Amino acid sequence: MTALARQLGYTEEELEALGDSQSSELFDPAVKAALLYAEKTTRDAHTVTDAFFAELRRHYTDTQILELTCVIGLTNYWNRFTTALRVDLSGTDEPYDAPGAPGR
């Protein structure tokens, strides 16, 4: 995903700030809302309250929120799918898991 983010023009500084995006000044309020939506949806979708949805609607149309939800859901699916099947997306010849890693 970071390769795609770079292709879309995100800087290294922005990528590094993702872990604390809500307090970062690098992201505008709409991007912060989308990032928090992705985090909430990924960790526990029950935390997406009506109040939070109202905040999303300040920045995005219902169609855009649907698109965000699809991208978030498909990304979560893809990550779980590839991890469970040990699909190596690194583009290297290194093993998926290091020798001696748990579960190996």
PDB file of N, CA and C in Angstrom:
ATOM      1  N   MET A   1       0.799  -1.196   0.000  1.00  0.00           N
ATOM      2  CA  MET A   1       0.000   0.000   0.000  1.00  0.00           C
ATOM      3  C   MET A   1       0.845   1.265   0.000  1.00  0.00           C
ATOM      4  N   THR A   2       2.017   1.201   0.646  1.00  0.00           N
ATOM      5  CA  THR A   2       2.838   2.406   0.648  1.00  0.00           C
ATOM      6  C   THR A   2       3.339   2.739  -0.749  1.00  0.00           C
ATOM      7  N   ALA A   3       3.571   1.729  -1.569  1.00  0.00           N
ATOM      8  CA  ALA A   3       4.001   1.996  -2.947  1.00  0.00           C
ATOM      9  C   ALA A   3       2.888   2.734  -3.691  1.00  0.00           C
ATOM     10  N   LEU A   4       1.657   2.309  -3.498  1.00  0.00           N
ATOM     11  CA  LEU A   4       0.518   2.986  -4.137  1.00  0.00           C
ATOM     12  C   LEU A   4       0.391   4.409  -3.606  1.00  0.00           C
ATOM     13  N   ALA A   5       0.551   4.592  -2.304  1.00  0.00           N
ATOM     14  CA  ALA A   5       0.463   5.933  -1.721  1.00  0.00           C
ATOM     15  C   ALA A   5       1.516   6.853  -2.322  1.00  0.00           C
ATOM     16  N   ARG A   6       2.712   6.311  -2.498  1.00  0.00           N
ATOM     17  CA  ARG A   6       3.774   7.114  -3.117  1.00  0.00           C
ATOM     18  C   ARG A   6       3.406   7.478  -4.560  1.00  0.00           C
ATOM     19  N   GLN A   7       2.850   6.519  -5.289  1.00  0.00           N
ATOM     20  CA  GLN A   7       2.447   6.777  -6.677  1.00  0.00           C
ATOM     21  C   GLN A   7       1.355   7.844  -6.736  1.00  0.00           C
ATOM     22  N   LEU A   8       0.535   7.908  -5.692  1.00  0.00           N
ATOM     23  CA  LEU A   8      -0.543   8.902  -5.642  1.00  0.00           C
ATOM     24  C   LEU A   8      -0.069  10.255  -5.134  1.00  0.00           C
ATOM     25  N   GLY A   9       1.238  10.340  -4.795  1.00  0.00           N
ATOM     26  CA  GLY A   9       1.809  11.623  -4.432  1.00  0.00           C
ATOM     27  C   GLY A   9       1.978  11.887  -2.948  1.00  0.00           C
ATOM     28  N   TYR A  10       1.718  10.890  -2.101  1.00  0.00           N
ATOM     29  CA  TYR A  10       1.931  11.093  -0.670  1.00  0.00           C
ATOM     30  C   TYR A  10       3.428  11.075  -0.376  1.00  0.00           C
ATOM     31  N   THR A  11       3.848  11.939   0.524  1.00  0.00           N
ATOM     32  CA  THR A  11       5.263  12.060   0.862  1.00  0.00           C
ATOM     33  C   THR A  11       5.641  11.064   1.957  1.00  0.00           C
ATOM     34  N   GLU A  12       6.936  10.858   2.128  1.00  0.00           N
ATOM     35  CA  GLU A  12       7.427   9.996   3.211  1.00  0.00           C
ATOM     36  C   GLU A  12       6.977  10.544   4.559  1.00  0.00           C
ATOM     37  N   GLU A  13       6.998  11.859   4.686  1.00  0.00           N
ATOM     38  CA  GLU A  13       6.579  12.500   5.934  1.00  0.00           C
ATOM     39  C   GLU A  13       5.106  12.184   6.234  1.00  0.00           C
ATOM     40  N   GLU A  14       4.265  12.236   5.212  1.00  0.00           N
ATOM     41  CA  GLU A  14       2.850  11.907   5.401  1.00  0.00           C
ATOM     42  C   GLU A  14       2.669  10.435   5.758  1.00  0.00           C
ATOM     43  N   LEU A  15       3.410   9.561   5.089  1.00  0.00           N
ATOM     44  CA  LEU A  15       3.309   8.133   5.394  1.00  0.00           C
ATOM     45  C   LEU A  15       3.737   7.849   6.823  1.00  0.00           C
ATOM     46  N   GLU A  16       4.797   8.510   7.274  1.00  0.00           N
ATOM     47  CA  GLU A  16       5.269   8.320   8.645  1.00  0.00           C
ATOM     48  C   GLU A  16       4.270   8.876   9.664  1.00  0.00           C
ATOM     49  N   ALA A  17       3.486   9.887   9.288  1.00  0.00           N
ATOM     50  CA  ALA A  17       2.526  10.517  10.189  1.00  0.00           C
ATOM     51  C   ALA A  17       1.212   9.748  10.303  1.00  0.00           C
ATOM     52  N   LEU A  18       1.035   8.722   9.502  1.00  0.00           N
ATOM     53  CA  LEU A  18      -0.240   7.990   9.520  1.00  0.00           C
ATOM     54  C   LEU A  18      -0.566   7.400  10.887  1.00  0.00           C
ATOM     55  N   GLY A  19       0.446   7.005  11.639  1.00  0.00           N
ATOM     56  CA  GLY A  19       0.208   6.414  12.948  1.00  0.00           C
ATOM     57  C   GLY A  19      -0.414   7.381  13.940  1.00  0.00           C
ATOM     58  N   ASP A  20      -0.258   8.666  13.703  1.00  0.00           N
ATOM     59  CA  ASP A  20      -0.828   9.695  14.572  1.00  0.00           C
ATOM     60  C   ASP A  20      -1.499  10.761  13.713  1.00  0.00           C
ATOM     61  N   SER A  21      -2.265  10.311  12.739  1.00  0.00           N
ATOM     62  CA  SER A  21      -2.835  11.216  11.740  1.00  0.00           C
ATOM     63  C   SER A  21      -3.774  12.261  12.321  1.00  0.00           C
ATOM     64  N   GLN A  22      -4.458  11.931  13.408  1.00  0.00           N
ATOM     65  CA  GLN A  22      -5.448  12.858  13.942  1.00  0.00           C
ATOM     66  C   GLN A  22      -4.817  14.101  14.561  1.00  0.00           C
ATOM     67  N   SER A  23      -3.578  13.998  15.024  1.00  0.00           N
ATOM     68  CA  SER A  23      -2.924  15.176  15.593  1.00  0.00           C
ATOM     69  C   SER A  23      -1.940  15.821  14.614  1.00  0.00           C
ATOM     70  N   SER A  24      -1.759  15.201  13.463  1.00  0.00           N
ATOM     71  CA  SER A  24      -0.822  15.726  12.473  1.00  0.00           C
ATOM     72  C   SER A  24      -1.421  16.920  11.733  1.00  0.00           C
ATOM     73  N   GLU A  25      -0.566  17.884  11.459  1.00  0.00           N
ATOM     74  CA  GLU A  25      -0.992  19.041  10.673  1.00  0.00           C
ATOM     75  C   GLU A  25      -0.809  18.798   9.178  1.00  0.00           C
ATOM     76  N   LEU A  26      -0.331  17.615   8.815  1.00  0.00           N
ATOM     77  CA  LEU A  26      -0.096  17.291   7.406  1.00  0.00           C
ATOM     78  C   LEU A  26      -1.375  16.945   6.664  1.00  0.00           C
ATOM     79  N   PHE A  27      -2.432  16.588   7.406  1.00  0.00           N
ATOM     80  CA  PHE A  27      -3.670  16.133   6.780  1.00  0.00           C
ATOM     81  C   PHE A  27      -4.787  17.128   7.050  1.00  0.00           C
ATOM     82  N   ASP A  28      -5.569  17.401   6.011  1.00  0.00           N
ATOM     83  CA  ASP A  28      -6.705  18.296   6.204  1.00  0.00           C
ATOM     84  C   ASP A  28      -7.844  17.545   6.910  1.00  0.00           C
ATOM     85  N   PRO A  29      -8.859  18.248   7.403  1.00  0.00           N
ATOM     86  CA  PRO A  29      -9.931  17.602   8.162  1.00  0.00           C
ATOM     87  C   PRO A  29     -10.650  16.473   7.412  1.00  0.00           C
ATOM     88  N   ALA A  30     -10.817  16.602   6.108  1.00  0.00           N
ATOM     89  CA  ALA A  30     -11.495  15.551   5.339  1.00  0.00           C
ATOM     90  C   ALA A  30     -10.657  14.275   5.313  1.00  0.00           C
ATOM     91  N   VAL A  31      -9.363  14.409   5.100  1.00  0.00           N
ATOM     92  CA  VAL A  31      -8.478  13.238   5.075  1.00  0.00           C
ATOM     93  C   VAL A  31      -8.418  12.617   6.472  1.00  0.00           C
ATOM     94  N   LYS A  32      -8.347  13.447   7.512  1.00  0.00           N
ATOM     95  CA  LYS A  32      -8.347  12.926   8.885  1.00  0.00           C
ATOM     96  C   LYS A  32      -9.615  12.125   9.157  1.00  0.00           C
ATOM     97  N   ALA A  33     -10.751  12.626   8.696  1.00  0.00           N
ATOM     98  CA  ALA A  33     -12.016  11.908   8.902  1.00  0.00           C
ATOM     99  C   ALA A  33     -11.993  10.567   8.171  1.00  0.00           C
ATOM    100  N   ALA A  34     -11.484  10.539   6.955  1.00  0.00           N
ATOM    101  CA  ALA A  34     -11.411   9.290   6.188  1.00  0.00           C
ATOM    102  C   ALA A  34     -10.466   8.297   6.848  1.00  0.00           C
ATOM    103  N   LEU A  35      -9.327   8.778   7.335  1.00  0.00           N
ATOM    104  CA  LEU A  35      -8.370   7.898   8.003  1.00  0.00           C
ATOM    105  C   LEU A  35      -8.946   7.331   9.297  1.00  0.00           C
ATOM    106  N   LEU A  36      -9.649   8.162  10.054  1.00  0.00           N
ATOM    107  CA  LEU A  36     -10.265   7.678  11.287  1.00  0.00           C
ATOM    108  C   LEU A  36     -11.382   6.685  10.969  1.00  0.00           C
ATOM    109  N   TYR A  37     -12.116   6.934   9.896  1.00  0.00           N
ATOM    110  CA  TYR A  37     -13.157   5.997   9.463  1.00  0.00           C
ATOM    111  C   TYR A  37     -12.536   4.643   9.115  1.00  0.00           C
ATOM    112  N   ALA A  38     -11.428   4.674   8.399  1.00  0.00           N
ATOM    113  CA  ALA A  38     -10.744   3.425   8.051  1.00  0.00           C
ATOM    114  C   ALA A  38     -10.286   2.691   9.304  1.00  0.00           C
ATOM    115  N   GLU A  39      -9.738   3.427  10.253  1.00  0.00           N
ATOM    116  CA  GLU A  39      -9.272   2.794  11.493  1.00  0.00           C
ATOM    117  C   GLU A  39     -10.437   2.205  12.280  1.00  0.00           C
ATOM    118  N   LYS A  40     -11.500   2.983  12.440  1.00  0.00           N
ATOM    119  CA  LYS A  40     -12.668   2.494  13.181  1.00  0.00           C
ATOM    120  C   LYS A  40     -13.280   1.275  12.497  1.00  0.00           C
ATOM    121  N   THR A  41     -13.432   1.333  11.193  1.00  0.00           N
ATOM    122  CA  THR A  41     -14.036   0.234  10.448  1.00  0.00           C
ATOM    123  C   THR A  41     -13.173  -1.020  10.533  1.00  0.00           C
ATOM    124  N   THR A  42     -11.872  -0.849  10.514  1.00  0.00           N
ATOM    125  CA  THR A  42     -10.943  -1.972  10.566  1.00  0.00           C
ATOM    126  C   THR A  42     -10.900  -2.599  11.952  1.00  0.00           C
ATOM    127  N   ARG A  43     -10.805  -1.773  12.977  1.00  0.00           N
ATOM    128  CA  ARG A  43     -10.650  -2.289  14.341  1.00  0.00           C
ATOM    129  C   ARG A  43     -11.960  -2.807  14.929  1.00  0.00           C
ATOM    130  N   ASP A  44     -13.028  -2.021  14.803  1.00  0.00           N
ATOM    131  CA  ASP A  44     -14.343  -2.407  15.331  1.00  0.00           C
ATOM    132  C   ASP A  44     -15.392  -1.505  14.698  1.00  0.00           C
ATOM    133  N   ALA A  45     -16.065  -2.006  13.689  1.00  0.00           N
ATOM    134  CA  ALA A  45     -17.040  -1.203  12.940  1.00  0.00           C
ATOM    135  C   ALA A  45     -18.183  -0.685  13.811  1.00  0.00           C
ATOM    136  N   HIS A  46     -18.370  -1.293  14.987  1.00  0.00           N
ATOM    137  CA  HIS A  46     -19.415  -0.816  15.892  1.00  0.00           C
ATOM    138  C   HIS A  46     -19.075   0.554  16.470  1.00  0.00           C
ATOM    139  N   THR A  47     -17.835   0.990  16.348  1.00  0.00           N
ATOM    140  CA  THR A  47     -17.445   2.305  16.857  1.00  0.00           C
ATOM    141  C   THR A  47     -17.767   3.427  15.880  1.00  0.00           C
ATOM    142  N   VAL A  48     -18.280   3.080  14.715  1.00  0.00           N
ATOM    143  CA  VAL A  48     -18.712   4.102  13.758  1.00  0.00           C
ATOM    144  C   VAL A  48     -20.133   4.510  14.163  1.00  0.00           C
ATOM    145  N   THR A  49     -20.205   5.523  14.997  1.00  0.00           N
ATOM    146  CA  THR A  49     -21.470   5.976  15.555  1.00  0.00           C
ATOM    147  C   THR A  49     -22.198   6.915  14.595  1.00  0.00           C
ATOM    148  N   ASP A  50     -23.438   7.217  14.928  1.00  0.00           N
ATOM    149  CA  ASP A  50     -24.192   8.198  14.142  1.00  0.00           C
ATOM    150  C   ASP A  50     -23.496   9.557  14.164  1.00  0.00           C
ATOM    151  N   ALA A  51     -22.937   9.917  15.318  1.00  0.00           N
ATOM    152  CA  ALA A  51     -22.231  11.196  15.426  1.00  0.00           C
ATOM    153  C   ALA A  51     -21.005  11.219  14.513  1.00  0.00           C
ATOM    154  N   PHE A  52     -20.277  10.110  14.479  1.00  0.00           N
ATOM    155  CA  PHE A  52     -19.115  10.064  13.599  1.00  0.00           C
ATOM    156  C   PHE A  52     -19.554  10.111  12.137  1.00  0.00           C
ATOM    157  N   PHE A  53     -20.635   9.413  11.815  1.00  0.00           N
ATOM    158  CA  PHE A  53     -21.131   9.419  10.436  1.00  0.00           C
ATOM    159  C   PHE A  53     -21.522  10.831  10.016  1.00  0.00           C
ATOM    160  N   ALA A  54     -22.094  11.586  10.949  1.00  0.00           N
ATOM    161  CA  ALA A  54     -22.444  12.982  10.660  1.00  0.00           C
ATOM    162  C   ALA A  54     -21.181  13.790  10.352  1.00  0.00           C
ATOM    163  N   GLU A  55     -20.085  13.501  11.073  1.00  0.00           N
ATOM    164  CA  GLU A  55     -18.815  14.167  10.798  1.00  0.00           C
ATOM    165  C   GLU A  55     -18.306  13.805   9.396  1.00  0.00           C
ATOM    166  N   LEU A  56     -18.424  12.537   9.021  1.00  0.00           N
ATOM    167  CA  LEU A  56     -18.032  12.129   7.665  1.00  0.00           C
ATOM    168  C   LEU A  56     -18.832  12.891   6.613  1.00  0.00           C
ATOM    169  N   ARG A  57     -20.114  13.060   6.865  1.00  0.00           N
ATOM    170  CA  ARG A  57     -20.987  13.748   5.907  1.00  0.00           C
ATOM    171  C   ARG A  57     -20.660  15.232   5.765  1.00  0.00           C
ATOM    172  N   ARG A  58     -19.919  15.777   6.713  1.00  0.00           N
ATOM    173  CA  ARG A  58     -19.473  17.168   6.576  1.00  0.00           C
ATOM    174  C   ARG A  58     -18.437  17.282   5.452  1.00  0.00           C
ATOM    175  N   HIS A  59     -17.778  16.166   5.149  1.00  0.00           N
ATOM    176  CA  HIS A  59     -16.683  16.187   4.178  1.00  0.00           C
ATOM    177  C   HIS A  59     -16.975  15.405   2.901  1.00  0.00           C
ATOM    178  N   TYR A  60     -17.874  14.441   2.987  1.00  0.00           N
ATOM    179  CA  TYR A  60     -18.102  13.528   1.861  1.00  0.00           C
ATOM    180  C   TYR A  60     -19.586  13.326   1.613  1.00  0.00           C
ATOM    181  N   THR A  61     -19.924  13.077   0.347  1.00  0.00           N
ATOM    182  CA  THR A  61     -21.295  12.722  -0.011  1.00  0.00           C
ATOM    183  C   THR A  61     -21.551  11.267   0.372  1.00  0.00           C
ATOM    184  N   ASP A  62     -22.803  10.865   0.352  1.00  0.00           N
ATOM    185  CA  ASP A  62     -23.119   9.468   0.647  1.00  0.00           C
ATOM    186  C   ASP A  62     -22.436   8.526  -0.340  1.00  0.00           C
ATOM    187  N   THR A  63     -22.361   8.914  -1.594  1.00  0.00           N
ATOM    188  CA  THR A  63     -21.691   8.094  -2.607  1.00  0.00           C
ATOM    189  C   THR A  63     -20.203   7.960  -2.291  1.00  0.00           C
ATOM    190  N   GLN A  64     -19.573   9.049  -1.896  1.00  0.00           N
ATOM    191  CA  GLN A  64     -18.157   8.996  -1.546  1.00  0.00           C
ATOM    192  C   GLN A  64     -17.921   8.132  -0.302  1.00  0.00           C
ATOM    193  N   ILE A  65     -18.832   8.210   0.674  1.00  0.00           N
ATOM    194  CA  ILE A  65     -18.711   7.376   1.873  1.00  0.00           C
ATOM    195  C   ILE A  65     -18.863   5.902   1.495  1.00  0.00           C
ATOM    196  N   LEU A  66     -19.758   5.607   0.583  1.00  0.00           N
ATOM    197  CA  LEU A  66     -19.909   4.234   0.102  1.00  0.00           C
ATOM    198  C   LEU A  66     -18.612   3.757  -0.554  1.00  0.00           C
ATOM    199  N   GLU A  67     -18.015   4.601  -1.376  1.00  0.00           N
ATOM    200  CA  GLU A  67     -16.753   4.248  -2.022  1.00  0.00           C
ATOM    201  C   GLU A  67     -15.641   4.045  -0.998  1.00  0.00           C
ATOM    202  N   LEU A  68     -15.554   4.932  -0.011  1.00  0.00           N
ATOM    203  CA  LEU A  68     -14.561   4.761   1.058  1.00  0.00           C
ATOM    204  C   LEU A  68     -14.765   3.425   1.765  1.00  0.00           C
ATOM    205  N   THR A  69     -16.012   3.112   2.073  1.00  0.00           N
ATOM    206  CA  THR A  69     -16.326   1.872   2.780  1.00  0.00           C
ATOM    207  C   THR A  69     -15.927   0.663   1.945  1.00  0.00           C
ATOM    208  N   CYS A  70     -16.181   0.712   0.656  1.00  0.00           N
ATOM    209  CA  CYS A  70     -15.791  -0.392  -0.227  1.00  0.00           C
ATOM    210  C   CYS A  70     -14.280  -0.566  -0.257  1.00  0.00           C
ATOM    211  N   VAL A  71     -13.548   0.531  -0.381  1.00  0.00           N
ATOM    212  CA  VAL A  71     -12.084   0.444  -0.423  1.00  0.00           C
ATOM    213  C   VAL A  71     -11.545  -0.086   0.904  1.00  0.00           C
ATOM    214  N   ILE A  72     -12.072   0.411   2.013  1.00  0.00           N
ATOM    215  CA  ILE A  72     -11.629  -0.058   3.329  1.00  0.00           C
ATOM    216  C   ILE A  72     -11.922  -1.547   3.479  1.00  0.00           C
ATOM    217  N   GLY A  73     -13.144  -1.960   3.150  1.00  0.00           N
ATOM    218  CA  GLY A  73     -13.528  -3.363   3.280  1.00  0.00           C
ATOM    219  C   GLY A  73     -12.712  -4.274   2.386  1.00  0.00           C
ATOM    220  N   LEU A  74     -12.514  -3.876   1.141  1.00  0.00           N
ATOM    221  CA  LEU A  74     -11.736  -4.703   0.217  1.00  0.00           C
ATOM    222  C   LEU A  74     -10.268  -4.780   0.621  1.00  0.00           C
ATOM    223  N   THR A  75      -9.731  -3.685   1.142  1.00  0.00           N
ATOM    224  CA  THR A  75      -8.348  -3.703   1.616  1.00  0.00           C
ATOM    225  C   THR A  75      -8.211  -4.644   2.806  1.00  0.00           C
ATOM    226  N   ASN A  76      -9.158  -4.584   3.729  1.00  0.00           N
ATOM    227  CA  ASN A  76      -9.125  -5.505   4.875  1.00  0.00           C
ATOM    228  C   ASN A  76      -9.242  -6.953   4.411  1.00  0.00           C
ATOM    229  N   TYR A  77     -10.133  -7.208   3.469  1.00  0.00           N
ATOM    230  CA  TYR A  77     -10.278  -8.558   2.922  1.00  0.00           C
ATOM    231  C   TYR A  77      -8.963  -9.018   2.305  1.00  0.00           C
ATOM    232  N   TRP A  78      -8.386  -8.171   1.457  1.00  0.00           N
ATOM    233  CA  TRP A  78      -7.162  -8.532   0.755  1.00  0.00           C
ATOM    234  C   TRP A  78      -6.039  -8.826   1.736  1.00  0.00           C
ATOM    235  N   ASN A  79      -5.891  -7.980   2.764  1.00  0.00           N
ATOM    236  CA  ASN A  79      -4.838  -8.194   3.753  1.00  0.00           C
ATOM    237  C   ASN A  79      -5.028  -9.513   4.492  1.00  0.00           C
ATOM    238  N   ARG A  80      -6.233  -9.833   4.886  1.00  0.00           N
ATOM    239  CA  ARG A  80      -6.487 -11.088   5.594  1.00  0.00           C
ATOM    240  C   ARG A  80      -6.285 -12.292   4.668  1.00  0.00           C
ATOM    241  N   PHE A  81      -6.738 -12.180   3.456  1.00  0.00           N
ATOM    242  CA  PHE A  81      -6.614 -13.252   2.460  1.00  0.00           C
ATOM    243  C   PHE A  81      -5.149 -13.570   2.196  1.00  0.00           C
ATOM    244  N   THR A  82      -4.380 -12.539   1.884  1.00  0.00           N
ATOM    245  CA  THR A  82      -2.979 -12.774   1.544  1.00  0.00           C
ATOM    246  C   THR A  82      -2.165 -13.215   2.755  1.00  0.00           C
ATOM    247  N   THR A  83      -2.499 -12.698   3.928  1.00  0.00           N
ATOM    248  CA  THR A  83      -1.780 -13.117   5.132  1.00  0.00           C
ATOM    249  C   THR A  83      -2.085 -14.565   5.466  1.00  0.00           C
ATOM    250  N   ALA A  84      -3.356 -14.944   5.434  1.00  0.00           N
ATOM    251  CA  ALA A  84      -3.736 -16.322   5.771  1.00  0.00           C
ATOM    252  C   ALA A  84      -3.109 -17.330   4.819  1.00  0.00           C
ATOM    253  N   LEU A  85      -3.004 -16.966   3.562  1.00  0.00           N
ATOM    254  CA  LEU A  85      -2.436 -17.879   2.564  1.00  0.00           C
ATOM    255  C   LEU A  85      -0.935 -17.691   2.369  1.00  0.00           C
ATOM    256  N   ARG A  86      -0.356 -16.804   3.154  1.00  0.00           N
ATOM    257  CA  ARG A  86       1.085 -16.541   3.084  1.00  0.00           C
ATOM    258  C   ARG A  86       1.518 -16.119   1.670  1.00  0.00           C
ATOM    259  N   VAL A  87       0.697 -15.273   1.063  1.00  0.00           N
ATOM    260  CA  VAL A  87       1.021 -14.758  -0.265  1.00  0.00           C
ATOM    261  C   VAL A  87       2.074 -13.669  -0.100  1.00  0.00           C
ATOM    262  N   ASP A  88       3.196 -13.850  -0.743  1.00  0.00           N
ATOM    263  CA  ASP A  88       4.299 -12.908  -0.638  1.00  0.00           C
ATOM    264  C   ASP A  88       4.125 -11.808  -1.676  1.00  0.00           C
ATOM    265  N   LEU A  89       3.904 -10.597  -1.203  1.00  0.00           N
ATOM    266  CA  LEU A  89       3.734  -9.456  -2.102  1.00  0.00           C
ATOM    267  C   LEU A  89       4.938  -8.519  -2.075  1.00  0.00           C
ATOM    268  N   SER A  90       6.027  -8.992  -1.480  1.00  0.00           N
ATOM    269  CA  SER A  90       7.185  -8.123  -1.300  1.00  0.00           C
ATOM    270  C   SER A  90       7.958  -7.881  -2.590  1.00  0.00           C
ATOM    271  N   GLY A  91       7.829  -8.798  -3.535  1.00  0.00           N
ATOM    272  CA  GLY A  91       8.601  -8.660  -4.759  1.00  0.00           C
ATOM    273  C   GLY A  91      10.040  -9.102  -4.606  1.00  0.00           C
ATOM    274  N   THR A  92      10.337  -9.775  -3.495  1.00  0.00           N
ATOM    275  CA  THR A  92      11.698 -10.274  -3.275  1.00  0.00           C
ATOM    276  C   THR A  92      11.661 -11.793  -3.221  1.00  0.00           C
ATOM    277  N   ASP A  93      12.830 -12.385  -3.142  1.00  0.00           N
ATOM    278  CA  ASP A  93      12.927 -13.835  -3.003  1.00  0.00           C
ATOM    279  C   ASP A  93      13.007 -14.263  -1.542  1.00  0.00           C
ATOM    280  N   GLU A  94      12.894 -13.300  -0.622  1.00  0.00           N
ATOM    281  CA  GLU A  94      12.954 -13.620   0.801  1.00  0.00           C
ATOM    282  C   GLU A  94      11.709 -14.420   1.192  1.00  0.00           C
ATOM    283  N   PRO A  95      11.851 -15.309   2.193  1.00  0.00           N
ATOM    284  CA  PRO A  95      10.674 -16.078   2.633  1.00  0.00           C
ATOM    285  C   PRO A  95       9.622 -15.161   3.233  1.00  0.00           C
ATOM    286  N   TYR A  96       8.354 -15.592   3.149  1.00  0.00           N
ATOM    287  CA  TYR A  96       7.257 -14.806   3.694  1.00  0.00           C
ATOM    288  C   TYR A  96       7.498 -14.519   5.163  1.00  0.00           C
ATOM    289  N   ASP A  97       7.807 -15.572   5.925  1.00  0.00           N
ATOM    290  CA  ASP A  97       8.125 -15.431   7.351  1.00  0.00           C
ATOM    291  C   ASP A  97       9.597 -15.805   7.534  1.00  0.00           C
ATOM    292  N   ALA A  98      10.220 -15.105   8.421  1.00  0.00           N
ATOM    293  CA  ALA A  98      11.618 -15.431   8.725  1.00  0.00           C
ATOM    294  C   ALA A  98      11.682 -16.808   9.357  1.00  0.00           C
ATOM    295  N   PRO A  99      12.757 -17.560   9.077  1.00  0.00           N
ATOM    296  CA  PRO A  99      12.920 -18.881   9.713  1.00  0.00           C
ATOM    297  C   PRO A  99      12.820 -18.732  11.238  1.00  0.00           C
ATOM    298  N   GLY A 100      12.090 -19.649  11.845  1.00  0.00           N
ATOM    299  CA  GLY A 100      11.929 -19.623  13.282  1.00  0.00           C
ATOM    300  C   GLY A 100      10.829 -18.695  13.768  1.00  0.00           C
ATOM    301  N   ALA A 101      10.127 -18.029  12.841  1.00  0.00           N
ATOM    302  CA  ALA A 101       9.027 -17.156  13.238  1.00  0.00           C
ATOM    303  C   ALA A 101       7.894 -18.008  13.801  1.00  0.00           C
ATOM    304  N   PRO A 102       7.102 -17.475  14.707  1.00  0.00           N
ATOM    305  CA  PRO A 102       5.982 -18.238  15.265  1.00  0.00           C
ATOM    306  C   PRO A 102       5.093 -18.798  14.168  1.00  0.00           C
ATOM    307  N   GLY A 103       4.688 -20.038  14.323  1.00  0.00           N
ATOM    308  CA  GLY A 103       3.806 -20.676  13.349  1.00  0.00           C
ATOM    309  C   GLY A 103       4.505 -21.340  12.198  1.00  0.00           C
ATOM    310  N   ARG A 104       5.830 -21.269  12.176  1.00  0.00           N
ATOM    311  CA  ARG A 104       6.580 -21.895  11.082  1.00  0.00           C
ATOM    312  C   ARG A 104       7.085 -23.230  11.446  1.00  0.00           C
TER     313      ARG A 104
END
